[in-house]
Amino acid sequence: MPITFAIIKERKNPPDRRVVFSPEKCQEVIQKFPEAHIKVETSDIRIFKDEVYRKKGFEVREDISDCDVMIGVKEVPISALISNKTYFFFSHTIKKQPYNRNLLQAILEKNIQLYDHETIVTKEGNRLIGFGRYAGLVGTYNGFRALGLRDTLFHLPKVETLPDLEAVKKELLKIKLPNIKIVLTGSGKVAHGAKEILDHLKIKQVEINEYLSKSFSEPVFCLIDVLDYNKRKDGTIAEKHDFYTNPEAYESNFMRFAKVSDMLITGHFYGNGAPYLFTREDAKLPDFKINLIADISCDIDGPIASTIRASTIAEPFYGYDSKSESEVAFNAKGAITVMAVDNLPCELPKDASEGFGEMFIKNVIPAFFNGDKNGVLKRALVTKDGKLTKRFSYLQDFVDGK
């Protein structure tokens, strides 16, 4: 059965130039799936101009209301939602984010089938698509940019002024880092993106015991996962599944890294109920050594005590004074320099869009034409027939305003 997909205009502020499918990826879709048709909603902000889609043979128009499936990146404003349609976008509702309650209510009222990009997962619950790698790449670059500016060591241009990832990596090869120790958290796409930058800079990776006990005459980094910086309160053996099931039985063991590290890059996912990596009290301790944090995970007032707000692409850095627990200049003496931009992939819209489209073509589009044989669409569907699906019924009290 033919299906018409619409590439919708991004309407959220600040403007987001990313798109799920580049013109080339659109061509790939229709070549691989002859029953797929694609129309493009006109946009003056998209990284790929309307004209480029037209040249590749796609219809670009103001009105896409005759399409079946609407594909976007960020939340669609309520006023722009078209009733009785199928939508894909990051709704930022599945963790009961209060600022988007009315969006989810409107989606239900308008009888929209919502697939959230975050809910597109394997049977085991692992994310199949996302911008994580690009958040890791850009966030780590920004961390080094902050170091260069703060300590007047080198000057890196803003990522948004560079054409693509290749140019970003070229700029990094011009810098020389001091002998700093860097701790990187996480095991997913964000952490892998961050590690890609560290490896590109040929920063030596060292094992935990060596990292904690030795000094080095070159920059080094250590990659740590949840059981490296959390321990069971009762002293019994920690186990990953147990940590995710019973996070309240654990406490942070991160201070052993904070005592020997200069820089922290966060690539972890923080789950509700898990211990904070470090608290405001921890940051006051005289042996807390970290003075630069690229907080890519960016949970406000959460596991990273110095992240008191998100920063912006325009003003990416601020300082955290641990004594007064307040914001200061990013280069203030004795402050922790914080990079906490919460929309990092927007700085690299072309590469991020192409990478995202690749994952979408591989993992999502086939499901429309093979009877969803792997259950990808079934697992990802948040709303149907004006109701929450069984998998997302836990959101009902949130929808009801309770």
Protein backbone atom coordinates (compact mmCIF):
# COMPACT_ATOMS: atom_id res chain seq x y z
CA MET A 1 0.00 0.00 0.00
CA PRO A 2 1.48 3.40 -0.93
CA ILE A 3 2.39 5.69 2.00
CA THR A 4 3.13 9.39 1.67
CA PHE A 5 5.65 10.74 4.17
CA ALA A 6 5.95 14.47 4.84
CA ILE A 7 9.19 16.15 5.93
CA ILE A 8 7.68 18.82 8.18
CA LYS A 9 8.97 22.29 8.97
CA GLU A 10 10.63 22.78 12.37
CA ARG A 11 8.69 25.45 14.24
CA LYS A 12 10.20 25.35 17.70
CA ASN A 13 12.18 28.31 19.04
CA PRO A 14 15.16 28.70 19.02
CA PRO A 15 15.14 27.50 15.38
CA ASP A 16 16.49 24.01 14.74
CA ARG A 17 18.06 23.53 11.31
CA ARG A 18 18.14 19.72 11.48
CA VAL A 19 15.87 17.42 9.46
CA VAL A 20 15.25 13.67 9.56
CA PHE A 21 15.96 13.16 5.82
CA SER A 22 18.42 15.06 3.64
CA PRO A 23 17.53 15.23 -0.08
CA GLU A 24 19.90 12.28 -0.71
CA LYS A 25 18.28 10.21 2.04
CA CYS A 26 14.83 10.99 0.57
CA GLN A 27 16.04 9.53 -2.72
CA GLU A 28 17.37 6.48 -0.91
CA VAL A 29 13.94 5.88 0.69
CA ILE A 30 12.00 5.94 -2.58
CA GLN A 31 14.62 3.81 -4.33
CA LYS A 32 14.52 1.13 -1.64
CA PHE A 33 10.76 1.29 -1.05
CA PRO A 34 8.83 1.96 -4.30
CA GLU A 35 5.54 2.34 -2.36
CA ALA A 36 6.97 5.27 -0.39
CA HIS A 37 6.27 8.82 -1.54
CA ILE A 38 7.82 11.91 0.06
CA LYS A 39 6.63 15.51 0.10
CA VAL A 40 8.51 18.36 1.75
CA GLU A 41 6.94 21.21 3.70
CA THR A 42 8.61 24.47 2.71
CA SER A 43 11.09 25.82 5.29
CA ASP A 44 13.36 28.86 5.42
CA ILE A 45 15.54 27.51 8.25
CA ARG A 46 16.33 23.92 7.24
CA ILE A 47 20.02 23.16 6.63
CA PHE A 48 19.06 21.80 3.17
CA LYS A 49 17.29 24.44 1.09
CA ASP A 50 13.89 23.82 -0.55
CA GLU A 51 15.57 24.17 -3.93
CA VAL A 52 17.87 21.20 -3.26
CA TYR A 53 14.86 18.93 -2.55
CA ARG A 54 13.19 20.20 -5.75
CA LYS A 55 16.31 19.45 -7.78
CA LYS A 56 16.24 15.89 -6.46
CA GLY A 57 12.66 15.56 -7.74
CA PHE A 58 10.64 16.15 -4.56
CA GLU A 59 7.56 18.33 -4.34
CA VAL A 60 8.01 21.20 -1.87
CA ARG A 61 4.80 22.87 -0.73
CA GLU A 62 3.06 24.91 1.98
CA ASP A 63 0.25 22.42 2.60
CA ILE A 64 1.17 18.84 3.51
CA SER A 65 -2.20 17.92 5.05
CA ASP A 66 -2.82 15.18 2.45
CA CYS A 67 0.22 13.20 3.63
CA ASP A 68 -0.08 10.12 5.87
CA VAL A 69 3.01 10.27 8.08
CA MET A 70 4.55 13.51 9.37
CA ILE A 71 8.25 13.31 10.20
CA GLY A 72 9.98 16.02 12.23
CA VAL A 73 12.71 16.48 14.82
CA LYS A 74 11.55 18.71 17.68
CA GLU A 75 8.14 19.14 19.34
CA VAL A 76 5.41 20.35 16.98
CA PRO A 77 3.52 23.38 18.37
CA ILE A 78 -0.08 22.48 19.23
CA SER A 79 -1.42 25.00 16.69
CA ALA A 80 0.46 23.22 13.88
CA LEU A 81 -0.68 19.66 14.70
CA ILE A 82 -2.99 18.14 12.07
CA SER A 83 -5.72 15.90 13.51
CA ASN A 84 -5.95 12.17 12.68
CA LYS A 85 -2.38 11.96 11.36
CA THR A 86 0.67 9.89 12.30
CA TYR A 87 3.63 11.87 13.67
CA PHE A 88 7.28 11.15 14.46
CA PHE A 89 9.19 13.67 16.59
CA PHE A 90 10.92 14.10 19.96
CA SER A 91 7.88 14.94 22.10
CA HIS A 92 9.75 15.23 25.43
CA THR A 93 6.73 13.82 27.25
CA ILE A 94 7.63 10.22 28.07
CA LYS A 95 9.46 11.21 31.27
CA LYS A 96 6.39 13.27 32.30
CA GLN A 97 8.10 16.58 31.46
CA PRO A 98 5.61 19.09 32.91
CA TYR A 99 6.26 21.76 30.25
CA ASN A 100 4.86 19.43 27.57
CA ARG A 101 1.81 18.03 29.35
CA ASN A 102 -0.54 20.18 27.22
CA LEU A 103 1.19 18.90 24.06
CA LEU A 104 0.45 15.28 24.97
CA GLN A 105 -3.13 16.21 25.91
CA ALA A 106 -3.57 17.89 22.50
CA ILE A 107 -2.12 14.87 20.68
CA LEU A 108 -4.75 12.67 22.35
CA GLU A 109 -7.57 15.15 21.69
CA LYS A 110 -6.62 15.40 18.01
CA ASN A 111 -6.55 11.59 17.65
CA ILE A 112 -2.89 11.62 16.54
CA GLN A 113 -0.77 8.48 16.38
CA LEU A 114 2.47 9.56 18.04
CA TYR A 115 5.75 7.76 17.62
CA ASP A 116 8.44 9.42 19.72
CA HIS A 117 11.99 9.04 18.34
CA GLU A 118 13.09 8.14 21.89
CA THR A 119 10.67 5.19 21.99
CA ILE A 120 12.09 3.55 18.85
CA VAL A 121 13.94 0.74 20.60
CA THR A 122 15.03 -2.88 20.28
CA LYS A 123 13.22 -5.71 22.11
CA GLU A 124 15.77 -5.21 24.90
CA GLY A 125 14.92 -1.51 25.13
CA ASN A 126 18.05 -0.08 23.48
CA ARG A 127 17.58 3.09 21.42
CA LEU A 128 17.74 2.51 17.66
CA ILE A 129 17.95 6.14 16.52
CA GLY A 130 19.09 9.42 18.00
CA PHE A 131 21.54 12.31 17.80
CA GLY A 132 23.67 11.00 20.68
CA ARG A 133 26.88 10.57 18.73
CA TYR A 134 26.75 14.19 17.54
CA ALA A 135 26.00 15.47 21.06
CA GLY A 136 29.12 13.62 22.22
CA LEU A 137 31.28 14.96 19.38
CA VAL A 138 30.19 18.60 19.71
CA GLY A 139 30.06 18.61 23.51
CA THR A 140 33.61 17.32 23.84
CA TYR A 141 34.90 19.81 21.26
CA ASN A 142 33.14 22.58 23.22
CA GLY A 143 34.79 21.37 26.41
CA PHE A 144 38.22 21.83 24.86
CA ARG A 145 37.16 25.16 23.41
CA ALA A 146 36.30 26.30 26.96
CA LEU A 147 39.69 25.11 28.22
CA GLY A 148 41.52 27.04 25.51
CA LEU A 149 39.56 30.24 26.15
CA ARG A 150 39.67 30.08 29.95
CA ASP A 151 43.38 29.34 30.26
CA THR A 152 44.37 31.34 27.13
CA LEU A 153 46.05 28.24 25.67
CA PHE A 154 44.54 28.16 22.16
CA HIS A 155 41.57 29.40 20.19
CA LEU A 156 39.01 27.00 18.69
CA PRO A 157 36.24 28.48 16.51
CA LYS A 158 32.60 27.77 17.32
CA VAL A 159 31.29 24.56 15.77
CA GLU A 160 28.35 26.40 14.19
CA THR A 161 30.83 28.44 12.10
CA LEU A 162 32.34 25.26 10.60
CA PRO A 163 30.79 23.43 7.62
CA ASP A 164 30.95 19.85 8.85
CA LEU A 165 32.48 17.26 11.16
CA GLU A 166 35.60 16.97 9.04
CA ALA A 167 36.30 20.69 9.57
CA VAL A 168 35.70 20.29 13.32
CA LYS A 169 38.26 17.50 13.50
CA LYS A 170 40.76 19.52 11.45
CA GLU A 171 40.57 22.42 13.94
CA LEU A 172 41.30 20.06 16.83
CA LEU A 173 44.55 18.94 15.24
CA LYS A 174 45.86 22.52 15.56
CA ILE A 175 45.75 22.52 19.38
CA LYS A 176 48.16 21.22 22.01
CA LEU A 177 46.66 20.09 25.30
CA PRO A 178 48.36 20.37 28.69
CA ASN A 179 48.91 17.21 30.79
CA ILE A 180 45.35 16.95 32.04
CA LYS A 181 43.44 13.95 33.34
CA ILE A 182 39.97 13.54 31.84
CA VAL A 183 37.21 11.28 33.14
CA LEU A 184 34.44 10.31 30.69
CA THR A 185 31.19 8.69 31.89
CA GLY A 186 28.84 6.46 29.92
CA SER A 187 28.65 3.51 27.55
CA GLY A 188 26.17 4.62 24.85
CA LYS A 189 26.21 6.73 21.69
CA VAL A 190 27.01 9.99 23.53
CA ALA A 191 30.05 8.50 25.25
CA HIS A 192 31.19 6.92 21.98
CA GLY A 193 30.92 10.31 20.23
CA ALA A 194 32.98 11.93 23.00
CA LYS A 195 35.57 9.14 22.83
CA GLU A 196 35.80 9.64 19.05
CA ILE A 197 37.11 13.17 19.71
CA LEU A 198 39.52 12.01 22.45
CA ASP A 199 40.86 9.28 20.15
CA HIS A 200 41.14 11.77 17.27
CA LEU A 201 43.34 13.93 19.52
CA LYS A 202 45.39 10.79 20.31
CA ILE A 203 44.75 11.21 24.02
CA LYS A 204 45.89 8.04 25.76
CA GLN A 205 43.19 5.92 27.39
CA VAL A 206 44.23 4.36 30.71
CA GLU A 207 42.61 1.77 32.95
CA ILE A 208 40.86 2.82 36.14
CA ASN A 209 43.46 1.63 38.68
CA GLU A 210 46.28 3.28 36.77
CA TYR A 211 44.25 6.48 36.33
CA LEU A 212 43.45 6.69 40.06
CA SER A 213 46.96 5.97 41.29
CA LYS A 214 49.42 7.53 38.82
CA SER A 215 50.56 10.91 37.47
CA PHE A 216 51.23 11.26 33.75
CA SER A 217 53.46 13.40 31.55
CA GLU A 218 50.81 13.57 28.78
CA PRO A 219 47.03 14.11 28.66
CA VAL A 220 45.12 10.91 29.49
CA PHE A 221 41.51 9.84 29.85
CA CYS A 222 39.59 7.13 31.63
CA LEU A 223 36.19 5.81 30.49
CA ILE A 224 33.89 4.78 33.35
CA ASP A 225 30.45 3.19 33.52
CA VAL A 226 27.79 3.16 36.27
CA LEU A 227 29.38 0.45 38.43
CA ASP A 228 32.70 2.30 38.41
CA TYR A 229 31.22 5.38 40.08
CA ASN A 230 28.45 3.79 42.19
CA LYS A 231 28.69 1.13 44.92
CA ARG A 232 26.14 -0.78 46.97
CA LYS A 233 25.49 0.81 50.35
CA ASP A 234 25.62 -2.59 52.07
CA GLY A 235 29.02 -3.39 50.56
CA THR A 236 27.83 -6.44 48.61
CA ILE A 237 28.86 -7.00 45.00
CA ALA A 238 27.35 -4.48 42.61
CA GLU A 239 25.67 -5.77 39.45
CA LYS A 240 24.42 -3.70 36.52
CA HIS A 241 20.90 -5.13 36.33
CA ASP A 242 20.58 -4.73 40.11
CA PHE A 243 21.71 -1.08 39.85
CA TYR A 244 19.03 -0.28 37.26
CA THR A 245 16.37 -2.17 39.25
CA ASN A 246 17.31 -0.91 42.74
CA PRO A 247 19.18 2.40 42.30
CA GLU A 248 18.23 3.47 45.84
CA ALA A 249 20.44 0.64 47.22
CA TYR A 250 23.50 2.42 45.77
CA GLU A 251 25.61 5.45 46.64
CA SER A 252 28.06 7.45 44.58
CA ASN A 253 31.69 6.43 44.52
CA PHE A 254 32.62 9.22 42.12
CA MET A 255 34.78 11.23 44.56
CA ARG A 256 37.71 8.89 43.93
CA PHE A 257 37.71 10.22 40.33
CA ALA A 258 36.98 13.84 41.34
CA LYS A 259 40.13 13.84 43.51
CA VAL A 260 42.46 13.09 40.59
CA SER A 261 40.69 14.55 37.50
CA ASP A 262 40.96 17.99 35.89
CA MET A 263 38.09 17.59 33.43
CA LEU A 264 34.82 15.65 33.40
CA ILE A 265 32.88 14.79 30.24
CA THR A 266 29.44 13.30 30.89
CA GLY A 267 28.09 10.79 28.40
CA HIS A 268 25.95 8.84 30.86
CA PHE A 269 22.19 8.42 31.01
CA TYR A 270 20.83 9.43 34.41
CA GLY A 271 17.84 7.41 35.61
CA ASN A 272 15.37 8.60 38.23
CA GLY A 273 16.34 7.43 41.71
CA ALA A 274 20.02 6.88 40.88
CA PRO A 275 22.60 8.54 43.16
CA TYR A 276 24.00 11.91 42.11
CA LEU A 277 27.59 11.70 40.84
CA PHE A 278 28.55 14.57 43.12
CA THR A 279 26.56 16.94 45.30
CA ARG A 280 27.05 20.62 46.09
CA GLU A 281 28.65 19.53 49.37
CA ASP A 282 31.08 17.24 47.51
CA ALA A 283 32.11 20.15 45.26
CA LYS A 284 33.07 22.16 48.38
CA LEU A 285 35.57 19.55 49.57
CA PRO A 286 39.20 20.71 49.39
CA ASP A 287 40.24 17.60 47.46
CA PHE A 288 37.58 18.07 44.75
CA LYS A 289 39.95 18.73 41.83
CA ILE A 290 37.71 18.91 38.70
CA ASN A 291 37.60 22.46 37.32
CA LEU A 292 36.07 21.93 33.87
CA ILE A 293 32.90 19.99 33.05
CA ALA A 294 31.47 19.32 29.60
CA ASP A 295 28.05 18.20 30.83
CA ILE A 296 26.60 16.70 27.65
CA SER A 297 23.92 14.83 29.63
CA CYS A 298 22.75 18.18 31.04
CA ASP A 299 20.31 17.25 33.82
CA ILE A 300 19.54 20.54 35.60
CA ASP A 301 19.96 20.55 39.40
CA GLY A 302 20.68 16.87 39.16
CA PRO A 303 23.58 14.41 39.28
CA ILE A 304 26.21 17.03 38.35
CA ALA A 305 25.86 19.66 41.08
CA SER A 306 27.52 22.44 39.07
CA THR A 307 24.91 22.23 36.27
CA ILE A 308 22.50 24.81 37.65
CA ARG A 309 21.08 25.70 34.23
CA ALA A 310 21.39 24.78 30.57
CA SER A 311 23.66 27.05 28.56
CA THR A 312 23.09 28.08 24.96
CA ILE A 313 24.90 27.75 21.65
CA ALA A 314 25.33 31.56 21.73
CA GLU A 315 26.72 31.57 25.31
CA PRO A 316 27.90 28.00 25.94
CA PHE A 317 29.95 28.48 29.12
CA TYR A 318 29.43 29.68 32.67
CA GLY A 319 31.23 29.28 35.97
CA TYR A 320 30.03 27.58 39.16
CA ASP A 321 31.38 28.84 42.47
CA SER A 322 31.14 25.86 44.81
CA LYS A 323 31.46 27.95 47.99
CA SER A 324 28.48 30.21 47.25
CA GLU A 325 26.72 27.57 45.08
CA SER A 326 26.09 30.25 42.49
CA GLU A 327 26.88 31.18 38.91
CA VAL A 328 29.98 33.27 38.16
CA ALA A 329 31.99 34.09 35.02
CA PHE A 330 33.23 30.96 33.22
CA ASN A 331 36.85 32.03 33.78
CA ALA A 332 36.46 33.25 37.38
CA LYS A 333 39.34 32.22 39.63
CA GLY A 334 38.61 29.01 41.52
CA ALA A 335 35.33 28.34 39.68
CA ILE A 336 34.30 25.16 37.90
CA THR A 337 33.87 25.99 34.20
CA VAL A 338 30.63 24.46 32.91
CA MET A 339 29.55 23.67 29.34
CA ALA A 340 25.89 22.54 29.52
CA VAL A 341 24.37 23.21 26.09
CA ASP A 342 21.26 21.01 25.82
CA ASN A 343 20.88 21.03 22.01
CA LEU A 344 24.45 20.29 20.91
CA PRO A 345 23.67 18.41 17.63
CA CYS A 346 22.05 21.64 16.33
CA GLU A 347 25.59 23.01 15.94
CA LEU A 348 26.37 20.35 13.34
CA PRO A 349 23.02 20.17 11.51
CA LYS A 350 24.22 18.71 8.20
CA ASP A 351 26.17 15.75 9.61
CA ALA A 352 23.65 15.16 12.41
CA SER A 353 20.75 15.07 9.93
CA GLU A 354 22.54 12.68 7.59
CA GLY A 355 23.48 10.35 10.45
CA PHE A 356 19.96 10.39 11.87
CA GLY A 357 18.40 9.72 8.45
CA GLU A 358 20.64 6.72 7.96
CA MET A 359 19.42 5.15 11.23
CA PHE A 360 15.79 5.99 10.39
CA ILE A 361 16.02 4.32 6.96
CA LYS A 362 17.64 1.23 8.46
CA ASN A 363 15.40 0.78 11.51
CA VAL A 364 12.04 2.49 10.94
CA ILE A 365 11.03 2.82 7.27
CA PRO A 366 11.19 -0.96 6.54
CA ALA A 367 8.61 -1.57 9.30
CA PHE A 368 5.97 0.28 7.25
CA PHE A 369 6.39 -2.16 4.36
CA ASN A 370 7.18 -5.52 6.04
CA GLY A 371 4.20 -5.72 8.38
CA ASP A 372 6.39 -4.40 11.24
CA LYS A 373 7.89 -7.88 11.54
CA ASN A 374 10.37 -6.81 14.27
CA GLY A 375 7.75 -4.94 16.30
CA VAL A 376 9.61 -1.60 16.05
CA LEU A 377 6.47 0.45 15.35
CA LYS A 378 4.36 -1.44 17.87
CA ARG A 379 6.87 -0.76 20.66
CA ALA A 380 7.29 2.90 19.70
CA LEU A 381 3.60 3.87 19.45
CA VAL A 382 2.71 6.20 22.32
CA THR A 383 -0.88 7.20 21.41
CA LYS A 384 -3.61 5.61 19.28
CA ASP A 385 -7.38 6.21 18.89
CA GLY A 386 -7.23 9.12 21.32
CA LYS A 387 -5.71 6.96 24.10
CA LEU A 388 -2.30 6.05 25.45
CA THR A 389 -1.12 2.62 24.32
CA LYS A 390 -0.62 -0.07 26.96
CA ARG A 391 3.16 0.37 27.00
CA PHE A 392 2.74 4.08 27.84
CA SER A 393 -0.27 3.83 30.14
CA TYR A 394 2.00 4.97 33.00
CA LEU A 395 1.56 8.50 31.54
CA GLN A 396 -2.19 8.57 32.29
CA ASP A 397 -1.87 10.35 35.65
CA PHE A 398 0.45 12.87 33.95
CA VAL A 399 -2.13 13.48 31.19
CA ASP A 400 -4.84 13.84 33.87
CA GLY A 401 -2.75 16.53 35.58
CA LYS A 402 -2.16 14.48 38.74
